[in-house]
Protein backbone atom coordinates (compact mmCIF):
# COMPACT_ATOMS: atom_id res chain seq x y z
CA MET A 1 51.06 13.03 -73.08
CA ARG A 2 50.89 11.09 -69.83
CA THR A 3 47.97 8.79 -69.26
CA ARG A 4 46.39 8.35 -65.79
CA ARG A 5 47.21 4.99 -64.34
CA SER A 6 44.20 3.12 -63.10
CA ILE A 7 44.28 1.67 -59.58
CA PRO A 8 43.67 -2.05 -59.49
CA ALA A 9 40.39 -3.02 -57.83
CA SER A 10 42.33 -5.31 -55.48
CA CYS A 11 44.08 -2.26 -53.94
CA THR A 12 40.92 -0.36 -53.03
CA ARG A 13 39.37 -0.61 -49.52
CA SER A 14 36.11 -2.50 -49.76
CA ARG A 15 33.10 -1.34 -47.78
CA ARG A 16 30.82 -4.22 -46.97
CA ALA A 17 27.26 -3.50 -45.72
CA PHE A 18 25.04 -5.77 -43.63
CA THR A 19 22.93 -8.06 -45.64
CA LEU A 20 19.21 -8.21 -44.94
CA ILE A 21 19.58 -11.65 -43.39
CA GLU A 22 22.32 -10.48 -41.02
CA LEU A 23 20.21 -7.50 -39.96
CA LEU A 24 17.23 -9.74 -39.25
CA VAL A 25 19.44 -12.06 -37.18
CA VAL A 26 20.65 -9.11 -35.05
CA ILE A 27 17.10 -7.90 -34.53
CA ALA A 28 15.99 -11.40 -33.56
CA ILE A 29 18.82 -11.69 -31.01
CA ILE A 30 17.93 -8.31 -29.46
CA ALA A 31 14.25 -9.28 -29.27
CA LEU A 32 15.19 -12.57 -27.59
CA LEU A 33 17.35 -10.81 -25.02
CA LEU A 34 14.57 -8.34 -24.24
CA SER A 35 12.05 -11.15 -23.82
CA ILE A 36 14.41 -12.80 -21.33
CA LEU A 37 15.18 -9.61 -19.41
CA ALA A 38 11.68 -8.10 -19.34
CA PRO A 39 10.21 -10.48 -16.72
CA ALA A 40 13.25 -10.01 -14.50
CA LEU A 41 13.01 -6.23 -14.79
CA ASN A 42 9.29 -6.34 -14.06
CA LYS A 43 9.87 -8.52 -10.98
CA ALA A 44 12.51 -6.06 -9.78
CA LYS A 45 10.07 -3.17 -10.21
CA VAL A 46 7.33 -5.02 -8.32
CA PHE A 47 9.74 -5.88 -5.51
CA ALA A 48 10.92 -2.27 -5.28
CA ARG A 49 7.32 -1.09 -4.89
CA ARG A 50 6.70 -3.59 -2.12
CA VAL A 51 9.84 -2.47 -0.31
CA LYS A 52 8.78 1.19 -0.60
CA CYS A 53 5.31 0.36 0.67
CA THR A 54 6.81 -1.41 3.69
CA SER A 55 9.07 1.58 4.26
CA ASN A 56 6.02 3.85 4.18
CA LEU A 57 4.35 1.86 6.95
CA ARG A 58 7.48 1.93 9.08
CA GLN A 59 7.65 5.71 8.81
CA ILE A 60 3.95 5.90 9.63
CA ASN A 61 4.64 3.76 12.69
CA LEU A 62 7.24 6.29 13.87
CA ALA A 63 4.72 9.10 13.39
CA VAL A 64 2.09 7.20 15.41
CA ALA A 65 4.65 6.52 18.14
CA LEU A 66 5.43 10.25 18.37
CA TYR A 67 1.71 10.99 18.48
CA LEU A 68 1.28 8.53 21.37
CA ASP A 69 4.17 10.14 23.26
CA ASN A 70 2.52 13.54 22.95
CA ASN A 71 -1.01 12.41 23.74
CA ASP A 72 -0.81 10.40 26.94
CA ASP A 73 -0.28 7.10 25.11
CA THR A 74 -3.69 7.47 23.44
CA TYR A 75 -4.38 6.58 19.81
CA PRO A 76 -5.95 9.08 17.35
CA CYS A 77 -9.61 9.52 18.19
CA ALA A 78 -12.43 11.69 16.79
CA GLU A 79 -16.17 11.52 16.27
CA ASP A 80 -17.27 9.95 13.00
CA PRO A 81 -17.78 11.06 10.34
CA VAL A 82 -14.83 13.43 10.47
CA SER A 83 -15.92 14.97 7.16
CA THR A 84 -19.19 15.15 5.28
CA THR A 85 -17.99 17.09 2.22
CA PRO A 86 -16.55 14.81 1.02
CA PHE A 87 -17.80 12.07 3.31
CA TYR A 88 -15.30 9.91 5.20
CA TRP A 89 -14.71 8.41 8.61
CA LEU A 90 -11.62 8.58 10.82
CA TRP A 91 -10.42 5.09 9.91
CA MET A 92 -10.27 6.00 6.21
CA GLY A 93 -6.97 7.34 4.87
CA ARG A 94 -8.12 10.93 4.61
CA GLY A 95 -9.62 10.76 8.10
CA TRP A 96 -6.57 9.88 10.18
CA ARG A 97 -4.07 11.74 7.96
CA PRO A 98 -4.22 15.03 9.97
CA PHE A 99 -3.21 13.22 13.16
CA VAL A 100 0.15 12.02 11.80
CA GLU A 101 0.89 14.89 9.43
CA PRO A 102 2.63 17.02 12.10
CA TYR A 103 5.08 14.18 12.71
CA LEU A 104 6.00 13.65 9.06
CA ASN A 105 7.61 17.10 8.61
CA THR A 106 5.61 17.94 5.50
CA ASN A 107 2.27 19.33 4.41
CA ILE A 108 0.29 16.41 3.02
CA ASP A 109 -2.40 16.54 0.36
CA ALA A 110 -3.43 14.69 -2.80
CA ASN A 111 -0.56 16.22 -4.75
CA ASN A 112 2.00 15.65 -2.00
CA PRO A 113 0.96 12.39 -0.31
CA SER A 114 4.31 11.72 1.37
CA VAL A 115 4.35 8.18 2.83
CA LEU A 116 0.56 7.84 2.78
CA LEU A 117 0.50 6.61 -0.83
CA CYS A 118 1.76 3.17 -1.84
CA PRO A 119 3.72 3.41 -5.14
CA ALA A 120 1.79 0.38 -6.41
CA ASP A 121 -1.63 1.93 -5.70
CA PRO A 122 -3.44 2.49 -9.02
CA THR A 123 -6.27 4.49 -7.43
CA ASP A 124 -6.79 7.92 -8.92
CA LYS A 125 -5.63 10.62 -6.50
CA ASP A 126 -9.03 12.30 -6.65
CA LYS A 127 -10.84 9.24 -5.25
CA TYR A 128 -9.09 8.93 -1.89
CA GLU A 129 -6.82 11.99 -2.10
CA SER A 130 -3.76 9.77 -2.65
CA THR A 131 -4.14 7.84 0.62
CA SER A 132 -3.55 4.08 0.46
CA TYR A 133 -3.68 3.06 4.11
CA SER A 134 -6.58 2.58 6.53
CA TYR A 135 -6.57 2.83 10.34
CA SER A 136 -8.46 0.29 12.45
CA MET A 137 -11.51 1.80 14.14
CA ALA A 138 -10.88 -0.64 17.01
CA PHE A 139 -8.32 1.92 18.23
CA TYR A 140 -10.96 4.57 18.89
CA HIS A 141 -13.84 2.42 20.13
CA SER A 142 -13.99 0.20 23.19
CA PRO A 143 -13.90 -3.59 22.82
CA ALA A 144 -17.48 -3.68 24.11
CA GLN A 145 -18.57 -1.26 21.37
CA ILE A 146 -16.81 -3.23 18.62
CA ASP A 147 -18.48 -6.43 19.83
CA THR A 148 -21.89 -4.90 19.09
CA LEU A 149 -21.03 -4.38 15.40
CA ASP A 150 -21.37 -7.23 12.93
CA LYS A 151 -22.14 -5.71 9.52
CA ILE A 152 -19.96 -4.05 6.89
CA ALA A 153 -22.31 -1.05 6.96
CA ASP A 154 -21.49 -0.56 10.65
CA THR A 155 -18.08 0.77 9.58
CA TYR A 156 -19.48 3.69 7.59
CA SER A 157 -23.00 4.39 8.89
CA SER A 158 -24.72 5.07 12.24
CA PRO A 159 -21.50 5.80 14.14
CA LEU A 160 -21.12 5.03 17.83
CA PRO A 161 -19.57 7.63 20.16
CA SER A 162 -15.80 7.41 19.90
CA ILE A 163 -13.87 6.32 23.00
CA PRO A 164 -10.10 6.96 23.16
CA GLN A 165 -7.99 3.81 23.50
CA LYS A 166 -4.56 3.56 25.08
CA SER A 167 -1.71 1.32 23.95
CA SER A 168 -1.77 -0.30 27.39
CA GLY A 169 -5.19 -1.71 26.48
CA LEU A 170 -3.70 -4.06 23.91
CA ASP A 171 -3.53 -7.70 24.93
CA ARG A 172 -1.46 -8.82 21.93
CA PRO A 173 0.17 -5.93 20.03
CA SER A 174 1.94 -8.30 17.64
CA GLY A 175 -1.38 -9.74 16.49
CA LYS A 176 -3.57 -6.63 16.15
CA ILE A 177 -3.50 -4.71 12.86
CA LEU A 178 -3.15 -0.97 13.44
CA ILE A 179 -2.92 0.30 9.85
CA GLY A 180 -2.91 -1.46 6.51
CA GLU A 181 -3.34 -1.09 2.79
CA TRP A 182 -7.00 -0.78 1.90
CA ALA A 183 -6.58 -2.16 -1.63
CA SER A 184 -4.74 -5.22 -2.92
CA ASN A 185 -2.08 -3.11 -4.64
CA HIS A 186 0.50 -5.88 -4.97
CA GLU A 187 -1.82 -8.54 -6.31
CA PRO A 188 -4.48 -7.16 -8.68
CA ILE A 189 -7.90 -8.75 -8.14
CA GLN A 190 -11.02 -8.77 -10.25
CA GLU A 191 -13.18 -6.66 -7.95
CA GLU A 192 -11.57 -4.40 -5.36
CA LYS A 193 -13.52 -4.20 -2.08
CA GLY A 194 -10.77 -3.32 0.33
CA TRP A 195 -11.00 -5.11 3.68
CA TRP A 196 -14.41 -6.47 2.70
CA THR A 197 -13.15 -9.32 0.53
CA TRP A 198 -11.20 -12.55 0.97
CA ASP A 199 -9.23 -11.85 -2.20
CA GLY A 200 -5.87 -10.16 -2.59
CA THR A 201 -2.70 -9.40 -0.65
CA ARG A 202 -1.90 -6.34 1.44
CA ASN A 203 0.83 -4.83 3.60
CA TYR A 204 -0.10 -4.32 7.27
CA LEU A 205 1.39 -2.47 10.23
CA PHE A 206 0.77 -4.15 13.57
CA ALA A 207 0.43 -2.39 16.91
CA ASP A 208 3.86 -3.56 18.06
CA GLY A 209 5.47 -1.79 15.07
CA HIS A 210 6.27 -4.73 12.80
CA THR A 211 5.00 -4.94 9.23
CA LYS A 212 3.90 -7.97 7.26
CA MET A 213 2.46 -8.68 3.83
CA LEU A 214 -0.49 -11.04 4.15
CA ARG A 215 -3.07 -12.63 1.94
CA ALA A 216 -6.58 -11.79 3.05
CA LYS A 217 -7.17 -15.48 3.72
CA GLN A 218 -4.41 -15.44 6.35
CA ILE A 219 -6.33 -12.97 8.52
CA ARG A 220 -8.88 -14.04 11.10
CA PRO A 221 -12.54 -13.40 10.27
CA ALA A 222 -13.82 -10.31 12.04
CA ARG A 223 -17.32 -9.79 13.42
CA ASN A 224 -18.64 -9.09 9.91
CA ALA A 225 -17.16 -12.39 8.67
CA MET A 226 -14.53 -10.49 6.65
CA PRO A 227 -10.76 -9.94 7.12
CA ASP A 228 -11.71 -6.51 8.46
CA ALA A 229 -9.33 -5.06 11.06
CA ASN A 230 -12.03 -2.50 11.95
CA LEU A 231 -14.27 -5.11 13.58
CA THR A 232 -11.79 -7.49 15.19
CA PHE A 233 -13.44 -9.65 17.85
CA LYS A 234 -12.77 -7.94 21.22
CA GLY A 235 -11.54 -4.84 19.39
CA ILE A 236 -8.19 -3.57 20.60
CA LYS A 237 -7.82 -6.62 22.83
CA GLY A 238 -8.37 -9.03 19.95
CA THR A 239 -6.14 -10.66 17.32
CA ASP A 240 -6.16 -10.41 13.53
CA TYR A 241 -3.16 -12.63 12.82
CA PRO A 242 -2.19 -15.41 12.93
CA ARG A 243 -5.44 -17.00 11.92
């Protein structure tokens, strides 16, 4: 009777598993790599949002330019408040939106904000209907009218009759803010007050078409002693930047 020959242990293929220490070392290396990459990835995301926000303002500028071409070189103008349910004025994002909508080739609303919403804006869409940018009321009031206003409340109560303003009325287009972010979306601040605070950083579109990200402290004080493009001294003929 033949006996089965045993195979020497040295001839078998060994299967070696990771030890607990080796596994912990691998996990530690992965965690270290993630900790190194995470800040860089976050910076890239923040930068991408800023670039998209700037792109939004440039497209808005094109829409405003088309509006001017079709309206005798006159900026959007209407009597405030433009809505009472809900309540908002023309300079607020929801107020001037209908004037540029026809030139953006899309129907715009809170669910489809198009270029009117900054990707970094944390505001709930139901608060401002997904609109991030405000329009200076100096573009639909005369310089003389603006120079009679010196309180924050003057920008949302007791409205003056609106007076259409033409682009030819600008003395320094490169220094007058036309449209800008209301909130400090790219630099979170403790208490958000829009253009009524010296805190934060915002993207702005100037009347000559260029965009610039500025800290509130870089903007000239307006008539209400705030960096408020609504109440620029001399209105459309005045300057918001440089300080």
